[in-house]
């Protein structure tokens, strides 16, 4: 009789533990302030889903086709874009490791892309270290502060591309 009660107690305790894990996971993914849901570009604050730039929707053979047709090759070379070093160690780079991106909004989104200085976005568009389409109002000024320390990038040189993007389709007019 004692063995039966002990076994029943163990099964009940195990059942409660499993139910507790399921409840935790359910509420963790349901609650937007949960530590499980973090958006690196937004820090530990409110979770907010931002659309990825659709500029990299080309996959596999499509990338090859775009390269052959001159679609990506006709874009400006990486040398034409703004370059920066990470981490910033100059006294004049304050606040440290914050990349300021600004300009006039010409469409529904401003797409911001960050690449390593040794990579060519025209040959490897999927190698972006940061790729977000940020909502802006057409005709108004756009300003975004990107905390590079949240991007999990390594020490080295990088360049940033800021482009326009509509509600649909790829980014265009890279600067």
C-alpha atoms as a PDB file:
ATOM      1  CA  UNK A   1       0.000   0.000   0.000  1.00  0.00           C
ATOM      2  CA  UNK A   2       2.847   2.410   0.849  1.00  0.00           C
ATOM      3  CA  UNK A   3       4.542   1.712  -2.526  1.00  0.00           C
ATOM      4  CA  UNK A   4       1.313   2.521  -4.360  1.00  0.00           C
ATOM      5  CA  UNK A   5       0.933   5.858  -2.543  1.00  0.00           C
ATOM      6  CA  UNK A   6       4.586   6.782  -3.161  1.00  0.00           C
ATOM      7  CA  UNK A   7       4.282   5.997  -6.891  1.00  0.00           C
ATOM      8  CA  UNK A   8       1.035   7.961  -7.130  1.00  0.00           C
ATOM      9  CA  UNK A   9       2.696  10.932  -5.399  1.00  0.00           C
ATOM     10  CA  UNK A  10       5.667  10.843  -7.839  1.00  0.00           C
ATOM     11  CA  UNK A  11       3.369  10.684 -10.877  1.00  0.00           C
ATOM     12  CA  UNK A  12       1.285  13.592  -9.565  1.00  0.00           C
ATOM     13  CA  UNK A  13       4.405  15.688  -8.870  1.00  0.00           C
ATOM     14  CA  UNK A  14       5.777  14.958 -12.351  1.00  0.00           C
ATOM     15  CA  UNK A  15       2.425  15.852 -13.907  1.00  0.00           C
ATOM     16  CA  UNK A  16       2.333  19.179 -12.052  1.00  0.00           C
ATOM     17  CA  UNK A  17       5.898  19.970 -13.151  1.00  0.00           C
ATOM     18  CA  UNK A  18       5.100  19.264 -16.832  1.00  0.00           C
ATOM     19  CA  UNK A  19       1.886  21.302 -16.618  1.00  0.00           C
ATOM     20  CA  UNK A  20       3.868  24.167 -15.038  1.00  0.00           C
ATOM     21  CA  UNK A  21       6.373  24.175 -17.908  1.00  0.00           C
ATOM     22  CA  UNK A  22       3.587  24.251 -20.496  1.00  0.00           C
ATOM     23  CA  UNK A  23       1.824  27.099 -18.683  1.00  0.00           C
ATOM     24  CA  UNK A  24       5.074  29.077 -18.428  1.00  0.00           C
ATOM     25  CA  UNK A  25       5.777  28.669 -22.138  1.00  0.00           C
ATOM     26  CA  UNK A  26       2.209  29.564 -23.042  1.00  0.00           C
ATOM     27  CA  UNK A  27       2.256  32.785 -21.036  1.00  0.00           C
ATOM     28  CA  UNK A  28       5.849  33.629 -21.962  1.00  0.00           C
ATOM     29  CA  UNK A  29       5.061  33.662 -25.675  1.00  0.00           C
ATOM     30  CA  UNK A  30       1.741  35.384 -25.147  1.00  0.00           C
ATOM     31  CA  UNK A  31       3.067  38.271 -23.043  1.00  0.00           C
ATOM     32  CA  UNK A  32       4.836  40.937 -25.117  1.00  0.00           C
ATOM     33  CA  UNK A  33       7.025  41.988 -22.164  1.00  0.00           C
ATOM     34  CA  UNK A  34       8.360  38.472 -21.700  1.00  0.00           C
ATOM     35  CA  UNK A  35      12.120  37.928 -21.530  1.00  0.00           C
ATOM     36  CA  UNK A  36      11.643  35.247 -24.183  1.00  0.00           C
ATOM     37  CA  UNK A  37      10.532  37.838 -26.736  1.00  0.00           C
ATOM     38  CA  UNK A  38      13.319  40.306 -27.354  1.00  0.00           C
ATOM     39  CA  UNK A  39      14.021  42.193 -30.564  1.00  0.00           C
ATOM     40  CA  UNK A  40      17.766  42.927 -30.623  1.00  0.00           C
ATOM     41  CA  UNK A  41      17.370  46.142 -32.544  1.00  0.00           C
ATOM     42  CA  UNK A  42      14.924  47.466 -29.945  1.00  0.00           C
ATOM     43  CA  UNK A  43      16.920  46.463 -26.842  1.00  0.00           C
ATOM     44  CA  UNK A  44      15.155  45.182 -23.764  1.00  0.00           C
ATOM     45  CA  UNK A  45      12.194  47.540 -24.198  1.00  0.00           C
ATOM     46  CA  UNK A  46       8.932  46.866 -25.934  1.00  0.00           C
ATOM     47  CA  UNK A  47       8.889  44.048 -28.416  1.00  0.00           C
ATOM     48  CA  UNK A  48       7.995  45.338 -31.848  1.00  0.00           C
ATOM     49  CA  UNK A  49       8.068  43.404 -35.087  1.00  0.00           C
ATOM     50  CA  UNK A  50       9.669  45.464 -37.821  1.00  0.00           C
ATOM     51  CA  UNK A  51       9.509  44.261 -41.402  1.00  0.00           C
ATOM     52  CA  UNK A  52      12.696  43.050 -43.001  1.00  0.00           C
ATOM     53  CA  UNK A  53      13.727  44.778 -46.142  1.00  0.00           C
ATOM     54  CA  UNK A  54      12.353  42.868 -49.103  1.00  0.00           C
ATOM     55  CA  UNK A  55      15.550  43.600 -50.990  1.00  0.00           C
ATOM     56  CA  UNK A  56      16.824  40.132 -50.234  1.00  0.00           C
ATOM     57  CA  UNK A  57      13.895  38.075 -51.364  1.00  0.00           C
ATOM     58  CA  UNK A  58      16.040  36.693 -54.175  1.00  0.00           C
ATOM     59  CA  UNK A  59      17.085  33.142 -53.422  1.00  0.00           C
ATOM     60  CA  UNK A  60      19.353  30.636 -55.097  1.00  0.00           C
ATOM     61  CA  UNK A  61      18.967  30.745 -58.864  1.00  0.00           C
ATOM     62  CA  UNK A  62      17.126  34.079 -58.687  1.00  0.00           C
ATOM     63  CA  UNK A  63      20.262  35.761 -57.322  1.00  0.00           C
ATOM     64  CA  UNK A  64      22.274  34.291 -60.178  1.00  0.00           C
ATOM     65  CA  UNK A  65      19.661  35.497 -62.694  1.00  0.00           C
ATOM     66  CA  UNK A  66      19.699  39.007 -61.191  1.00  0.00           C
ATOM     67  CA  UNK A  67      23.500  39.109 -61.314  1.00  0.00           C
ATOM     68  CA  UNK A  68      23.591  37.921 -64.916  1.00  0.00           C
ATOM     69  CA  UNK A  69      20.945  40.402 -66.021  1.00  0.00           C
ATOM     70  CA  UNK A  70      22.996  43.189 -64.423  1.00  0.00           C
ATOM     71  CA  UNK A  71      20.320  44.030 -61.840  1.00  0.00           C
ATOM     72  CA  UNK A  72      22.618  44.005 -58.817  1.00  0.00           C
ATOM     73  CA  UNK A  73      25.816  44.728 -60.740  1.00  0.00           C
ATOM     74  CA  UNK A  74      24.395  48.065 -61.901  1.00  0.00           C
ATOM     75  CA  UNK A  75      24.080  49.321 -58.306  1.00  0.00           C
ATOM     76  CA  UNK A  76      26.824  51.525 -56.775  1.00  0.00           C
ATOM     77  CA  UNK A  77      29.958  49.775 -55.457  1.00  0.00           C
ATOM     78  CA  UNK A  78      30.451  49.432 -51.672  1.00  0.00           C
ATOM     79  CA  UNK A  79      33.100  52.171 -51.740  1.00  0.00           C
ATOM     80  CA  UNK A  80      30.363  54.729 -52.534  1.00  0.00           C
ATOM     81  CA  UNK A  81      28.602  54.242 -49.178  1.00  0.00           C
ATOM     82  CA  UNK A  82      29.333  55.591 -45.707  1.00  0.00           C
ATOM     83  CA  UNK A  83      31.933  53.475 -43.879  1.00  0.00           C
ATOM     84  CA  UNK A  84      32.519  53.186 -40.126  1.00  0.00           C
ATOM     85  CA  UNK A  85      34.550  51.140 -37.651  1.00  0.00           C
ATOM     86  CA  UNK A  86      33.159  49.084 -34.795  1.00  0.00           C
ATOM     87  CA  UNK A  87      33.682  49.579 -31.967  1.00  0.00           C
ATOM     88  CA  UNK A  88      34.030  53.321 -32.218  1.00  0.00           C
ATOM     89  CA  UNK A  89      37.014  54.397 -30.146  1.00  0.00           C
ATOM     90  CA  UNK A  90      37.457  57.987 -31.174  1.00  0.00           C
ATOM     91  CA  UNK A  91      36.746  60.670 -28.606  1.00  0.00           C
ATOM     92  CA  UNK A  92      34.580  62.415 -31.194  1.00  0.00           C
ATOM     93  CA  UNK A  93      32.336  59.346 -31.745  1.00  0.00           C
ATOM     94  CA  UNK A  94      29.906  60.038 -28.926  1.00  0.00           C
ATOM     95  CA  UNK A  95      27.682  58.400 -27.986  1.00  0.00           C
ATOM     96  CA  UNK A  96      29.829  55.353 -28.537  1.00  0.00           C
ATOM     97  CA  UNK A  97      28.568  52.625 -30.840  1.00  0.00           C
ATOM     98  CA  UNK A  98      25.441  54.491 -31.938  1.00  0.00           C
ATOM     99  CA  UNK A  99      25.054  54.802 -35.688  1.00  0.00           C
ATOM    100  CA  UNK A 100      22.923  57.782 -36.716  1.00  0.00           C
ATOM    101  CA  UNK A 101      21.079  57.369 -40.008  1.00  0.00           C
ATOM    102  CA  UNK A 102      19.041  60.234 -41.414  1.00  0.00           C
ATOM    103  CA  UNK A 103      17.668  61.689 -44.613  1.00  0.00           C
ATOM    104  CA  UNK A 104      14.460  62.583 -46.412  1.00  0.00           C
ATOM    105  CA  UNK A 105      11.777  59.897 -46.638  1.00  0.00           C
ATOM    106  CA  UNK A 106      10.803  59.314 -50.268  1.00  0.00           C
ATOM    107  CA  UNK A 107       8.467  56.337 -49.853  1.00  0.00           C
ATOM    108  CA  UNK A 108       6.717  54.138 -47.276  1.00  0.00           C
ATOM    109  CA  UNK A 109       9.946  52.782 -45.691  1.00  0.00           C
ATOM    110  CA  UNK A 110      13.599  53.671 -45.295  1.00  0.00           C
ATOM    111  CA  UNK A 111      15.600  50.466 -45.521  1.00  0.00           C
ATOM    112  CA  UNK A 112      18.846  50.358 -43.558  1.00  0.00           C
ATOM    113  CA  UNK A 113      21.440  47.701 -44.368  1.00  0.00           C
ATOM    114  CA  UNK A 114      24.823  47.167 -42.738  1.00  0.00           C
ATOM    115  CA  UNK A 115      27.551  45.059 -44.374  1.00  0.00           C
ATOM    116  CA  UNK A 116      31.086  44.122 -43.430  1.00  0.00           C
ATOM    117  CA  UNK A 117      33.622  46.289 -45.294  1.00  0.00           C
ATOM    118  CA  UNK A 118      35.124  43.199 -46.933  1.00  0.00           C
ATOM    119  CA  UNK A 119      31.829  42.024 -48.472  1.00  0.00           C
ATOM    120  CA  UNK A 120      30.150  43.251 -51.652  1.00  0.00           C
ATOM    121  CA  UNK A 121      26.382  43.473 -51.234  1.00  0.00           C
ATOM    122  CA  UNK A 122      25.949  43.062 -54.997  1.00  0.00           C
ATOM    123  CA  UNK A 123      27.576  39.626 -54.924  1.00  0.00           C
ATOM    124  CA  UNK A 124      26.284  38.450 -51.517  1.00  0.00           C
ATOM    125  CA  UNK A 125      23.113  40.376 -50.642  1.00  0.00           C
ATOM    126  CA  UNK A 126      22.250  37.880 -47.901  1.00  0.00           C
ATOM    127  CA  UNK A 127      25.407  38.812 -45.924  1.00  0.00           C
ATOM    128  CA  UNK A 128      23.824  41.898 -44.317  1.00  0.00           C
ATOM    129  CA  UNK A 129      24.590  42.228 -40.607  1.00  0.00           C
ATOM    130  CA  UNK A 130      21.529  44.461 -40.197  1.00  0.00           C
ATOM    131  CA  UNK A 131      18.524  44.650 -42.527  1.00  0.00           C
ATOM    132  CA  UNK A 132      15.384  46.532 -41.542  1.00  0.00           C
ATOM    133  CA  UNK A 133      12.726  48.480 -43.361  1.00  0.00           C
ATOM    134  CA  UNK A 134      11.767  51.299 -41.005  1.00  0.00           C
ATOM    135  CA  UNK A 135       8.430  53.067 -41.418  1.00  0.00           C
ATOM    136  CA  UNK A 136       8.590  56.752 -42.291  1.00  0.00           C
ATOM    137  CA  UNK A 137       6.310  59.467 -43.714  1.00  0.00           C
ATOM    138  CA  UNK A 138       6.899  60.424 -47.314  1.00  0.00           C
ATOM    139  CA  UNK A 139       8.303  63.930 -47.647  1.00  0.00           C
ATOM    140  CA  UNK A 140       9.422  64.184 -44.007  1.00  0.00           C
ATOM    141  CA  UNK A 141      12.869  63.833 -42.493  1.00  0.00           C
ATOM    142  CA  UNK A 142      13.882  60.414 -41.256  1.00  0.00           C
ATOM    143  CA  UNK A 143      16.267  59.777 -38.354  1.00  0.00           C
ATOM    144  CA  UNK A 144      17.159  56.474 -36.726  1.00  0.00           C
ATOM    145  CA  UNK A 145      19.726  55.688 -34.033  1.00  0.00           C
ATOM    146  CA  UNK A 146      21.044  52.130 -34.274  1.00  0.00           C
ATOM    147  CA  UNK A 147      22.833  50.741 -31.225  1.00  0.00           C
ATOM    148  CA  UNK A 148      25.584  48.677 -32.828  1.00  0.00           C
ATOM    149  CA  UNK A 149      26.324  46.867 -29.561  1.00  0.00           C
ATOM    150  CA  UNK A 150      22.948  45.102 -29.858  1.00  0.00           C
ATOM    151  CA  UNK A 151      23.689  43.716 -33.324  1.00  0.00           C
ATOM    152  CA  UNK A 152      26.186  41.062 -32.270  1.00  0.00           C
ATOM    153  CA  UNK A 153      28.769  42.223 -34.808  1.00  0.00           C
ATOM    154  CA  UNK A 154      32.504  41.730 -34.464  1.00  0.00           C
ATOM    155  CA  UNK A 155      35.250  44.335 -34.376  1.00  0.00           C
ATOM    156  CA  UNK A 156      36.067  45.716 -37.798  1.00  0.00           C
ATOM    157  CA  UNK A 157      35.010  47.924 -40.668  1.00  0.00           C
ATOM    158  CA  UNK A 158      31.461  48.196 -42.015  1.00  0.00           C
ATOM    159  CA  UNK A 159      29.407  50.233 -44.460  1.00  0.00           C
ATOM    160  CA  UNK A 160      25.789  51.300 -44.280  1.00  0.00           C
ATOM    161  CA  UNK A 161      23.279  51.531 -47.115  1.00  0.00           C
ATOM    162  CA  UNK A 162      20.122  53.623 -46.717  1.00  0.00           C
ATOM    163  CA  UNK A 163      17.527  53.059 -49.434  1.00  0.00           C
ATOM    164  CA  UNK A 164      13.892  53.791 -50.201  1.00  0.00           C
ATOM    165  CA  UNK A 165      11.246  51.066 -50.238  1.00  0.00           C
ATOM    166  CA  UNK A 166       7.544  51.006 -50.987  1.00  0.00           C
ATOM    167  CA  UNK A 167       4.843  48.909 -49.319  1.00  0.00           C
ATOM    168  CA  UNK A 168       5.708  46.091 -51.717  1.00  0.00           C
ATOM    169  CA  UNK A 169       8.767  45.087 -53.644  1.00  0.00           C
ATOM    170  CA  UNK A 170      12.452  45.593 -53.133  1.00  0.00           C
ATOM    171  CA  UNK A 171      14.420  48.586 -51.907  1.00  0.00           C
ATOM    172  CA  UNK A 172      15.725  51.066 -54.445  1.00  0.00           C
ATOM    173  CA  UNK A 173      17.781  54.263 -54.698  1.00  0.00           C
ATOM    174  CA  UNK A 174      20.590  53.175 -52.330  1.00  0.00           C
ATOM    175  CA  UNK A 175      22.659  55.957 -50.751  1.00  0.00           C
END
